[in-house]
PDB file of N, CA and C in Angstrom:
ATOM      1  N   MET A   1       0.895  -1.203  -0.122  1.00  0.00           N
ATOM      2  CA  MET A   1       0.023   0.523   0.231  1.00  0.00           C
ATOM      3  C   MET A   1       0.717   1.405  -0.142  1.00  0.00           C
ATOM      4  N   LYS A   2       1.223   0.953   0.966  1.00  0.00           N
ATOM      5  CA  LYS A   2       3.146   2.029   0.475  1.00  0.00           C
ATOM      6  C   LYS A   2       3.035   2.843  -0.599  1.00  0.00           C
ATOM      7  N   ARG A   3       3.372   1.999  -1.291  1.00  0.00           N
ATOM      8  CA  ARG A   3       3.800   1.870  -3.107  1.00  0.00           C
ATOM      9  C   ARG A   3       3.344   2.282  -3.748  1.00  0.00           C
ATOM     10  N   LEU A   4       1.807   2.010  -3.706  1.00  0.00           N
ATOM     11  CA  LEU A   4       0.804   2.097  -4.365  1.00  0.00           C
ATOM     12  C   LEU A   4       0.333   4.158  -4.028  1.00  0.00           C
ATOM     13  N   LEU A   5       0.710   4.477  -3.115  1.00  0.00           N
ATOM     14  CA  LEU A   5       0.111   5.451  -2.476  1.00  0.00           C
ATOM     15  C   LEU A   5       1.216   6.702  -3.135  1.00  0.00           C
ATOM     16  N   PRO A   6       2.849   6.628  -3.826  1.00  0.00           N
ATOM     17  CA  PRO A   6       2.909   7.341  -4.267  1.00  0.00           C
ATOM     18  C   PRO A   6       2.924   7.260  -6.063  1.00  0.00           C
ATOM     19  N   ILE A   7       2.512   6.143  -6.608  1.00  0.00           N
ATOM     20  CA  ILE A   7       2.439   5.956  -7.980  1.00  0.00           C
ATOM     21  C   ILE A   7       0.835   6.409  -8.136  1.00  0.00           C
ATOM     22  N   LEU A   8       0.332   6.381  -7.204  1.00  0.00           N
ATOM     23  CA  LEU A   8      -1.388   7.337  -7.428  1.00  0.00           C
ATOM     24  C   LEU A   8      -0.894   8.618  -7.416  1.00  0.00           C
ATOM     25  N   ALA A   9      -0.212   9.319  -6.668  1.00  0.00           N
ATOM     26  CA  ALA A   9      -0.740  10.711  -6.854  1.00  0.00           C
ATOM     27  C   ALA A   9       0.607  10.921  -7.901  1.00  0.00           C
ATOM     28  N   ILE A  10       1.315  10.613  -8.666  1.00  0.00           N
ATOM     29  CA  ILE A  10       1.936  11.364  -9.989  1.00  0.00           C
ATOM     30  C   ILE A  10       0.857  10.391 -10.999  1.00  0.00           C
ATOM     31  N   ALA A  11      -0.315   9.363 -10.300  1.00  0.00           N
ATOM     32  CA  ALA A  11      -0.804   9.520 -11.892  1.00  0.00           C
ATOM     33  C   ALA A  11      -1.605  10.383 -11.874  1.00  0.00           C
ATOM     34  N   ALA A  12      -1.829  10.396 -10.644  1.00  0.00           N
ATOM     35  CA  ALA A  12      -3.200  12.371 -10.450  1.00  0.00           C
ATOM     36  C   ALA A  12      -2.452  13.463 -10.715  1.00  0.00           C
ATOM     37  N   LEU A  13      -1.336  14.186 -10.248  1.00  0.00           N
ATOM     38  CA  LEU A  13      -0.353  15.024 -11.341  1.00  0.00           C
ATOM     39  C   LEU A  13      -0.481  15.633 -12.824  1.00  0.00           C
ATOM     40  N   ALA A  14      -0.463  14.035 -13.044  1.00  0.00           N
ATOM     41  CA  ALA A  14       0.093  14.104 -14.805  1.00  0.00           C
ATOM     42  C   ALA A  14      -1.607  13.905 -15.829  1.00  0.00           C
ATOM     43  N   GLY A  15      -2.044  13.140 -14.582  1.00  0.00           N
ATOM     44  CA  GLY A  15      -4.036  13.828 -15.300  1.00  0.00           C
ATOM     45  C   GLY A  15      -4.318  14.895 -15.558  1.00  0.00           C
ATOM     46  N   CYS A  16      -3.634  16.473 -14.713  1.00  0.00           N
ATOM     47  CA  CYS A  16      -3.939  16.732 -14.300  1.00  0.00           C
ATOM     48  C   CYS A  16      -3.347  18.355 -15.540  1.00  0.00           C
ATOM     49  N   MET A  17      -1.938  17.464 -15.976  1.00  0.00           N
ATOM     50  CA  MET A  17      -1.706  18.732 -16.687  1.00  0.00           C
ATOM     51  C   MET A  17      -1.846  18.509 -18.576  1.00  0.00           C
ATOM     52  N   LYS A  18      -1.978  19.960 -18.736  1.00  0.00           N
ATOM     53  CA  LYS A  18      -2.570  19.610 -20.276  1.00  0.00           C
ATOM     54  C   LYS A  18      -1.418  19.693 -21.322  1.00  0.00           C
ATOM     55  N   GLU A  19      -1.139  18.516 -21.911  1.00  0.00           N
ATOM     56  CA  GLU A  19      -0.146  18.671 -23.061  1.00  0.00           C
ATOM     57  C   GLU A  19      -0.514  19.096 -24.422  1.00  0.00           C
ATOM     58  N   PRO A  20       0.363  20.366 -25.001  1.00  0.00           N
ATOM     59  CA  PRO A  20      -0.459  20.537 -26.255  1.00  0.00           C
ATOM     60  C   PRO A  20      -0.373  19.739 -27.337  1.00  0.00           C
ATOM     61  N   VAL A  21      -1.624  19.179 -27.973  1.00  0.00           N
ATOM     62  CA  VAL A  21      -1.736  19.057 -29.104  1.00  0.00           C
ATOM     63  C   VAL A  21      -0.991  19.285 -29.847  1.00  0.00           C
ATOM     64  N   HIS A  22      -0.626  18.020 -31.518  1.00  0.00           N
ATOM     65  CA  HIS A  22       0.444  18.812 -32.313  1.00  0.00           C
ATOM     66  C   HIS A  22       0.381  17.310 -32.917  1.00  0.00           C
ATOM     67  N   GLN A  23       0.345  17.827 -34.633  1.00  0.00           N
ATOM     68  CA  GLN A  23      -0.044  16.347 -35.388  1.00  0.00           C
ATOM     69  C   GLN A  23       0.795  16.935 -36.762  1.00  0.00           C
ATOM     70  N   GLY A  24       1.652  15.837 -37.047  1.00  0.00           N
ATOM     71  CA  GLY A  24       2.616  16.208 -38.131  1.00  0.00           C
ATOM     72  C   GLY A  24       3.654  16.392 -38.491  1.00  0.00           C
ATOM     73  N   ASN A  25       4.114  16.667 -38.954  1.00  0.00           N
ATOM     74  CA  ASN A  25       5.301  17.519 -38.938  1.00  0.00           C
ATOM     75  C   ASN A  25       6.157  18.860 -38.031  1.00  0.00           C
ATOM     76  N   VAL A  26       6.989  19.139 -37.088  1.00  0.00           N
ATOM     77  CA  VAL A  26       7.286  20.516 -36.931  1.00  0.00           C
ATOM     78  C   VAL A  26       7.182  21.016 -38.056  1.00  0.00           C
ATOM     79  N   LEU A  27       6.941  22.585 -37.858  1.00  0.00           N
ATOM     80  CA  LEU A  27       7.680  23.251 -39.039  1.00  0.00           C
ATOM     81  C   LEU A  27       8.089  24.347 -38.342  1.00  0.00           C
ATOM     82  N   LYS A  28       9.198  24.856 -38.687  1.00  0.00           N
ATOM     83  CA  LYS A  28      10.128  26.031 -38.433  1.00  0.00           C
ATOM     84  C   LYS A  28      10.306  27.210 -39.549  1.00  0.00           C
ATOM     85  N   GLU A  29      10.094  28.585 -39.324  1.00  0.00           N
ATOM     86  CA  GLU A  29      10.117  29.481 -40.267  1.00  0.00           C
ATOM     87  C   GLU A  29      11.790  29.069 -40.482  1.00  0.00           C
ATOM     88  N   GLY A  30      12.878  29.252 -39.728  1.00  0.00           N
ATOM     89  CA  GLY A  30      14.360  29.366 -40.089  1.00  0.00           C
ATOM     90  C   GLY A  30      14.356  28.166 -40.643  1.00  0.00           C
ATOM     91  N   ASP A  31      13.596  27.299 -40.488  1.00  0.00           N
ATOM     92  CA  ASP A  31      13.694  25.551 -41.195  1.00  0.00           C
ATOM     93  C   ASP A  31      13.815  26.112 -42.613  1.00  0.00           C
ATOM     94  N   ILE A  32      11.930  26.306 -42.446  1.00  0.00           N
ATOM     95  CA  ILE A  32      12.085  26.451 -44.273  1.00  0.00           C
ATOM     96  C   ILE A  32      11.745  27.757 -44.993  1.00  0.00           C
ATOM     97  N   SER A  33      11.996  28.935 -44.055  1.00  0.00           N
ATOM     98  CA  SER A  33      13.621  30.058 -45.502  1.00  0.00           C
ATOM     99  C   SER A  33      15.388  29.243 -45.974  1.00  0.00           C
ATOM    100  N   GLN A  34      14.931  27.881 -44.978  1.00  0.00           N
ATOM    101  CA  GLN A  34      17.004  27.291 -45.675  1.00  0.00           C
ATOM    102  C   GLN A  34      15.923  26.464 -46.866  1.00  0.00           C
ATOM    103  N   ILE A  35      14.953  25.977 -47.953  1.00  0.00           N
ATOM    104  CA  ILE A  35      14.931  25.592 -48.145  1.00  0.00           C
ATOM    105  C   ILE A  35      14.736  26.857 -49.909  1.00  0.00           C
ATOM    106  N   GLN A  36      15.238  26.479 -51.106  1.00  0.00           N
ATOM    107  CA  GLN A  36      15.264  27.206 -51.923  1.00  0.00           C
ATOM    108  C   GLN A  36      15.526  26.897 -53.538  1.00  0.00           C
ATOM    109  N   VAL A  37      14.961  26.818 -53.907  1.00  0.00           N
ATOM    110  CA  VAL A  37      14.996  26.452 -55.806  1.00  0.00           C
ATOM    111  C   VAL A  37      16.026  26.320 -56.194  1.00  0.00           C
ATOM    112  N   GLY A  38      16.478  24.863 -56.455  1.00  0.00           N
ATOM    113  CA  GLY A  38      17.525  24.364 -56.834  1.00  0.00           C
ATOM    114  C   GLY A  38      18.457  23.360 -55.307  1.00  0.00           C
ATOM    115  N   ASP A  39      17.453  23.374 -54.593  1.00  0.00           N
ATOM    116  CA  ASP A  39      17.856  22.469 -53.709  1.00  0.00           C
ATOM    117  C   ASP A  39      18.041  21.267 -53.289  1.00  0.00           C
ATOM    118  N   SER A  40      18.765  20.345 -53.748  1.00  0.00           N
ATOM    119  CA  SER A  40      18.245  18.408 -53.842  1.00  0.00           C
ATOM    120  C   SER A  40      17.137  17.635 -53.094  1.00  0.00           C
ATOM    121  N   LYS A  41      16.885  17.580 -53.070  1.00  0.00           N
ATOM    122  CA  LYS A  41      15.923  15.960 -52.154  1.00  0.00           C
ATOM    123  C   LYS A  41      16.302  15.844 -50.637  1.00  0.00           C
ATOM    124  N   PHE A  42      18.002  15.659 -51.297  1.00  0.00           N
ATOM    125  CA  PHE A  42      18.081  14.847 -49.482  1.00  0.00           C
ATOM    126  C   PHE A  42      18.259  16.154 -48.785  1.00  0.00           C
ATOM    127  N   HIS A  43      19.138  17.535 -49.296  1.00  0.00           N
ATOM    128  CA  HIS A  43      18.486  18.054 -48.799  1.00  0.00           C
ATOM    129  C   HIS A  43      17.330  18.647 -47.936  1.00  0.00           C
ATOM    130  N   VAL A  44      16.445  18.641 -48.569  1.00  0.00           N
ATOM    131  CA  VAL A  44      15.120  19.279 -47.894  1.00  0.00           C
ATOM    132  C   VAL A  44      14.830  18.282 -46.448  1.00  0.00           C
ATOM    133  N   GLU A  45      15.437  16.984 -47.395  1.00  0.00           N
ATOM    134  CA  GLU A  45      14.644  15.396 -45.961  1.00  0.00           C
ATOM    135  C   GLU A  45      15.956  15.885 -45.061  1.00  0.00           C
ATOM    136  N   SER A  46      17.144  15.942 -44.735  1.00  0.00           N
ATOM    137  CA  SER A  46      17.891  16.572 -43.908  1.00  0.00           C
ATOM    138  C   SER A  46      17.375  17.756 -43.290  1.00  0.00           C
ATOM    139  N   VAL A  47      16.802  18.476 -43.773  1.00  0.00           N
ATOM    140  CA  VAL A  47      16.512  19.752 -42.675  1.00  0.00           C
ATOM    141  C   VAL A  47      14.352  19.991 -42.483  1.00  0.00           C
ATOM    142  N   LEU A  48      13.780  19.352 -42.618  1.00  0.00           N
ATOM    143  CA  LEU A  48      13.235  19.226 -42.868  1.00  0.00           C
ATOM    144  C   LEU A  48      11.941  17.802 -42.214  1.00  0.00           C
ATOM    145  N   GLY A  49      12.812  16.919 -41.972  1.00  0.00           N
ATOM    146  CA  GLY A  49      12.914  15.617 -42.197  1.00  0.00           C
ATOM    147  C   GLY A  49      12.008  15.406 -42.744  1.00  0.00           C
ATOM    148  N   PHE A  50      11.185  14.022 -42.795  1.00  0.00           N
ATOM    149  CA  PHE A  50      10.241  13.019 -44.113  1.00  0.00           C
ATOM    150  C   PHE A  50       8.919  14.118 -43.794  1.00  0.00           C
ATOM    151  N   PRO A  51       8.315  14.097 -45.817  1.00  0.00           N
ATOM    152  CA  PRO A  51       6.660  14.162 -45.678  1.00  0.00           C
ATOM    153  C   PRO A  51       5.934  13.472 -44.974  1.00  0.00           C
ATOM    154  N   ILE A  52       5.183  14.570 -44.964  1.00  0.00           N
ATOM    155  CA  ILE A  52       3.853  13.137 -44.362  1.00  0.00           C
ATOM    156  C   ILE A  52       2.639  13.618 -45.635  1.00  0.00           C
ATOM    157  N   LEU A  53       3.349  13.590 -46.542  1.00  0.00           N
ATOM    158  CA  LEU A  53       1.935  13.156 -47.420  1.00  0.00           C
ATOM    159  C   LEU A  53       2.761  13.356 -48.700  1.00  0.00           C
ATOM    160  N   LYS A  54       2.430  12.671 -49.128  1.00  0.00           N
ATOM    161  CA  LYS A  54       3.916  12.222 -50.759  1.00  0.00           C
ATOM    162  C   LYS A  54       1.739  11.403 -51.377  1.00  0.00           C
ATOM    163  N   SER A  55       1.795  12.082 -52.719  1.00  0.00           N
ATOM    164  CA  SER A  55       0.693  11.628 -53.556  1.00  0.00           C
ATOM    165  C   SER A  55       1.591  11.072 -54.515  1.00  0.00           C
ATOM    166  N   ALA A  56       0.143   9.489 -55.187  1.00  0.00           N
ATOM    167  CA  ALA A  56       0.324   8.880 -55.434  1.00  0.00           C
ATOM    168  C   ALA A  56       0.376   9.690 -57.528  1.00  0.00           C
ATOM    169  N   LEU A  57      -0.978  10.975 -57.648  1.00  0.00           N
ATOM    170  CA  LEU A  57      -0.796  11.148 -58.844  1.00  0.00           C
ATOM    171  C   LEU A  57       0.381  12.538 -59.283  1.00  0.00           C
ATOM    172  N   HIS A  58       0.931  13.094 -58.268  1.00  0.00           N
ATOM    173  CA  HIS A  58       2.017  13.683 -58.842  1.00  0.00           C
ATOM    174  C   HIS A  58       3.114  13.125 -57.470  1.00  0.00           C
ATOM    175  N   PRO A  59       4.015  12.240 -58.163  1.00  0.00           N
ATOM    176  CA  PRO A  59       4.899  11.747 -58.004  1.00  0.00           C
ATOM    177  C   PRO A  59       5.861  12.819 -57.023  1.00  0.00           C
ATOM    178  N   ASN A  60       6.645  13.689 -58.003  1.00  0.00           N
ATOM    179  CA  ASN A  60       7.132  14.575 -57.576  1.00  0.00           C
ATOM    180  C   ASN A  60       7.051  16.014 -57.131  1.00  0.00           C
ATOM    181  N   ARG A  61       5.996  15.788 -55.976  1.00  0.00           N
ATOM    182  CA  ARG A  61       5.345  16.814 -55.405  1.00  0.00           C
ATOM    183  C   ARG A  61       5.425  16.246 -53.515  1.00  0.00           C
ATOM    184  N   VAL A  62       5.334  17.256 -52.852  1.00  0.00           N
ATOM    185  CA  VAL A  62       5.374  16.438 -51.636  1.00  0.00           C
ATOM    186  C   VAL A  62       5.816  17.601 -50.097  1.00  0.00           C
ATOM    187  N   ASP A  63       4.638  16.912 -49.338  1.00  0.00           N
ATOM    188  CA  ASP A  63       3.408  18.484 -48.534  1.00  0.00           C
ATOM    189  C   ASP A  63       3.897  18.144 -47.027  1.00  0.00           C
ATOM    190  N   TYR A  64       4.952  18.636 -46.528  1.00  0.00           N
ATOM    191  CA  TYR A  64       4.739  19.275 -44.884  1.00  0.00           C
ATOM    192  C   TYR A  64       3.845  19.749 -44.394  1.00  0.00           C
ATOM    193  N   VAL A  65       2.633  18.928 -43.711  1.00  0.00           N
ATOM    194  CA  VAL A  65       1.714  19.764 -42.489  1.00  0.00           C
ATOM    195  C   VAL A  65       2.019  19.387 -41.448  1.00  0.00           C
ATOM    196  N   GLU A  66       1.762  20.724 -41.430  1.00  0.00           N
ATOM    197  CA  GLU A  66       1.551  20.611 -39.437  1.00  0.00           C
ATOM    198  C   GLU A  66       0.441  21.036 -38.432  1.00  0.00           C
ATOM    199  N   GLU A  67      -0.286  20.296 -37.640  1.00  0.00           N
ATOM    200  CA  GLU A  67      -1.788  20.409 -37.154  1.00  0.00           C
ATOM    201  C   GLU A  67      -1.478  20.840 -35.709  1.00  0.00           C
ATOM    202  N   TYR A  68      -1.680  21.870 -35.375  1.00  0.00           N
ATOM    203  CA  TYR A  68      -1.479  22.396 -33.589  1.00  0.00           C
ATOM    204  C   TYR A  68      -2.839  23.041 -33.043  1.00  0.00           C
ATOM    205  N   ASP A  69      -2.646  22.673 -31.958  1.00  0.00           N
ATOM    206  CA  ASP A  69      -3.627  24.352 -30.961  1.00  0.00           C
ATOM    207  C   ASP A  69      -2.261  25.151 -30.918  1.00  0.00           C
ATOM    208  N   ASP A  70      -2.908  26.454 -31.025  1.00  0.00           N
ATOM    209  CA  ASP A  70      -2.564  27.554 -31.096  1.00  0.00           C
ATOM    210  C   ASP A  70      -2.644  27.685 -29.185  1.00  0.00           C
ATOM    211  N   LYS A  71      -2.112  28.212 -28.521  1.00  0.00           N
ATOM    212  CA  LYS A  71      -2.116  29.079 -27.154  1.00  0.00           C
ATOM    213  C   LYS A  71      -3.024  29.758 -26.913  1.00  0.00           C
ATOM    214  N   LYS A  72      -2.102  31.274 -27.376  1.00  0.00           N
ATOM    215  CA  LYS A  72      -2.508  32.529 -28.064  1.00  0.00           C
ATOM    216  C   LYS A  72      -4.450  32.591 -28.144  1.00  0.00           C
ATOM    217  N   SER A  73      -4.516  31.509 -30.052  1.00  0.00           N
ATOM    218  CA  SER A  73      -5.981  32.116 -29.837  1.00  0.00           C
ATOM    219  C   SER A  73      -6.366  30.311 -29.520  1.00  0.00           C
ATOM    220  N   GLY A  74      -6.148  29.868 -29.170  1.00  0.00           N
ATOM    221  CA  GLY A  74      -7.172  28.769 -28.748  1.00  0.00           C
ATOM    222  C   GLY A  74      -7.538  28.272 -29.909  1.00  0.00           C
ATOM    223  N   LYS A  75      -7.200  27.976 -31.326  1.00  0.00           N
ATOM    224  CA  LYS A  75      -7.997  27.216 -31.935  1.00  0.00           C
ATOM    225  C   LYS A  75      -6.904  26.127 -32.762  1.00  0.00           C
ATOM    226  N   TRP A  76      -7.763  25.537 -33.338  1.00  0.00           N
ATOM    227  CA  TRP A  76      -6.413  24.300 -33.897  1.00  0.00           C
ATOM    228  C   TRP A  76      -6.205  25.255 -35.268  1.00  0.00           C
ATOM    229  N   LEU A  77      -5.273  24.912 -35.764  1.00  0.00           N
ATOM    230  CA  LEU A  77      -4.929  25.600 -37.032  1.00  0.00           C
ATOM    231  C   LEU A  77      -3.857  24.706 -37.576  1.00  0.00           C
ATOM    232  N   THR A  78      -3.740  24.621 -38.395  1.00  0.00           N
ATOM    233  CA  THR A  78      -3.244  24.311 -40.184  1.00  0.00           C
ATOM    234  C   THR A  78      -2.169  24.643 -40.440  1.00  0.00           C
ATOM    235  N   ARG A  79      -0.596  24.354 -40.534  1.00  0.00           N
ATOM    236  CA  ARG A  79       0.415  24.801 -41.802  1.00  0.00           C
ATOM    237  C   ARG A  79       0.384  24.035 -42.604  1.00  0.00           C
ATOM    238  N   GLY A  80       0.994  24.536 -43.659  1.00  0.00           N
ATOM    239  CA  GLY A  80       2.282  23.507 -44.844  1.00  0.00           C
ATOM    240  C   GLY A  80       3.015  24.224 -45.249  1.00  0.00           C
ATOM    241  N   VAL A  81       3.747  23.962 -45.859  1.00  0.00           N
ATOM    242  CA  VAL A  81       4.735  23.635 -47.484  1.00  0.00           C
ATOM    243  C   VAL A  81       4.373  22.973 -48.378  1.00  0.00           C
ATOM    244  N   GLU A  82       4.731  23.298 -49.087  1.00  0.00           N
ATOM    245  CA  GLU A  82       4.205  22.021 -51.131  1.00  0.00           C
ATOM    246  C   GLU A  82       5.672  22.197 -51.797  1.00  0.00           C
ATOM    247  N   ILE A  83       5.945  21.148 -51.939  1.00  0.00           N
ATOM    248  CA  ILE A  83       7.494  21.220 -52.398  1.00  0.00           C
ATOM    249  C   ILE A  83       7.350  20.234 -53.249  1.00  0.00           C
ATOM    250  N   THR A  84       7.747  21.257 -54.792  1.00  0.00           N
ATOM    251  CA  THR A  84       7.425  20.503 -55.554  1.00  0.00           C
ATOM    252  C   THR A  84       9.269  20.383 -56.573  1.00  0.00           C
ATOM    253  N   TYR A  85       9.478  18.975 -56.966  1.00  0.00           N
ATOM    254  CA  TYR A  85      11.142  18.919 -57.786  1.00  0.00           C
ATOM    255  C   TYR A  85      11.144  18.179 -58.783  1.00  0.00           C
ATOM    256  N   ASP A  86      12.850  18.902 -59.751  1.00  0.00           N
ATOM    257  CA  ASP A  86      11.459  18.040 -61.204  1.00  0.00           C
ATOM    258  C   ASP A  86      12.006  16.545 -61.688  1.00  0.00           C
ATOM    259  N   ASP A  87      12.730  16.474 -62.810  1.00  0.00           N
ATOM    260  CA  ASP A  87      12.762  14.644 -62.856  1.00  0.00           C
ATOM    261  C   ASP A  87      14.531  14.136 -62.211  1.00  0.00           C
ATOM    262  N   ALA A  88      15.615  14.863 -61.490  1.00  0.00           N
ATOM    263  CA  ALA A  88      16.902  14.604 -61.161  1.00  0.00           C
ATOM    264  C   ALA A  88      16.234  15.574 -59.086  1.00  0.00           C
ATOM    265  N   LEU A  89      15.209  15.485 -58.926  1.00  0.00           N
ATOM    266  CA  LEU A  89      15.443  15.475 -57.385  1.00  0.00           C
ATOM    267  C   LEU A  89      16.065  16.820 -57.077  1.00  0.00           C
ATOM    268  N   ARG A  90      15.274  18.095 -57.685  1.00  0.00           N
ATOM    269  CA  ARG A  90      16.037  19.473 -57.222  1.00  0.00           C
ATOM    270  C   ARG A  90      14.581  20.265 -56.958  1.00  0.00           C
ATOM    271  N   VAL A  91      14.822  20.912 -55.708  1.00  0.00           N
ATOM    272  CA  VAL A  91      13.643  22.085 -55.609  1.00  0.00           C
ATOM    273  C   VAL A  91      13.166  23.031 -57.284  1.00  0.00           C
ATOM    274  N   THR A  92      11.972  23.103 -57.041  1.00  0.00           N
ATOM    275  CA  THR A  92      12.072  23.889 -58.048  1.00  0.00           C
ATOM    276  C   THR A  92      10.516  24.621 -57.632  1.00  0.00           C
ATOM    277  N   ASP A  93       9.497  24.327 -56.624  1.00  0.00           N
ATOM    278  CA  ASP A  93       8.838  25.602 -56.059  1.00  0.00           C
ATOM    279  C   ASP A  93       8.355  24.739 -54.967  1.00  0.00           C
ATOM    280  N   VAL A  94       8.919  26.112 -54.036  1.00  0.00           N
ATOM    281  CA  VAL A  94       8.070  25.742 -52.339  1.00  0.00           C
ATOM    282  C   VAL A  94       7.314  26.546 -52.319  1.00  0.00           C
ATOM    283  N   HIS A  95       5.655  26.277 -51.619  1.00  0.00           N
ATOM    284  CA  HIS A  95       4.502  26.403 -51.613  1.00  0.00           C
ATOM    285  C   HIS A  95       4.007  27.007 -50.176  1.00  0.00           C
ATOM    286  N   ARG A  96       4.215  27.519 -49.866  1.00  0.00           N
ATOM    287  CA  ARG A  96       3.755  27.685 -48.075  1.00  0.00           C
ATOM    288  C   ARG A  96       1.693  27.992 -48.601  1.00  0.00           C
ATOM    289  N   PHE A  97       0.999  27.249 -46.777  1.00  0.00           N
ATOM    290  CA  PHE A  97      -0.257  27.069 -47.467  1.00  0.00           C
ATOM    291  C   PHE A  97      -0.741  27.407 -45.254  1.00  0.00           C
ATOM    292  N   GLY A  98      -1.855  27.882 -45.368  1.00  0.00           N
ATOM    293  CA  GLY A  98      -1.831  27.861 -43.839  1.00  0.00           C
ATOM    294  C   GLY A  98      -1.966  28.897 -43.440  1.00  0.00           C
ATOM    295  N   ASP A  99      -1.996  28.585 -42.184  1.00  0.00           N
ATOM    296  CA  ASP A  99      -2.361  29.873 -41.284  1.00  0.00           C
ATOM    297  C   ASP A  99      -0.701  29.927 -40.509  1.00  0.00           C
ATOM    298  N   TRP A 100       0.653  30.654 -41.616  1.00  0.00           N
ATOM    299  CA  TRP A 100       1.592  31.337 -40.794  1.00  0.00           C
ATOM    300  C   TRP A 100       2.114  32.674 -39.912  1.00  0.00           C
ATOM    301  N   ARG A 101       1.840  33.049 -38.844  1.00  0.00           N
ATOM    302  CA  ARG A 101       1.573  33.956 -38.488  1.00  0.00           C
ATOM    303  C   ARG A 101       3.483  33.903 -37.778  1.00  0.00           C
TER     304      ARG A 101
END
């Protein structure tokens, strides 16, 4: 019983803490600004990680998408970056979408 009480106390405290909800890639402004037209796919993936979406219909396009609970507004926000490659796997276009505050 003496061992069970500290475990229950820790579990109760952990249940009171609210962790921010985050899904998808973690996108930082500094990381996105490092991606330029002409960069290799290897460079992009070393900076941003692996994309969350790859389209079978558009094999040269990938999407990095981030969904998170904004602390200031209390709203669920979505933002992302769509990167298009040429046949040599070099960046041809970087397009941001969603809420970039």
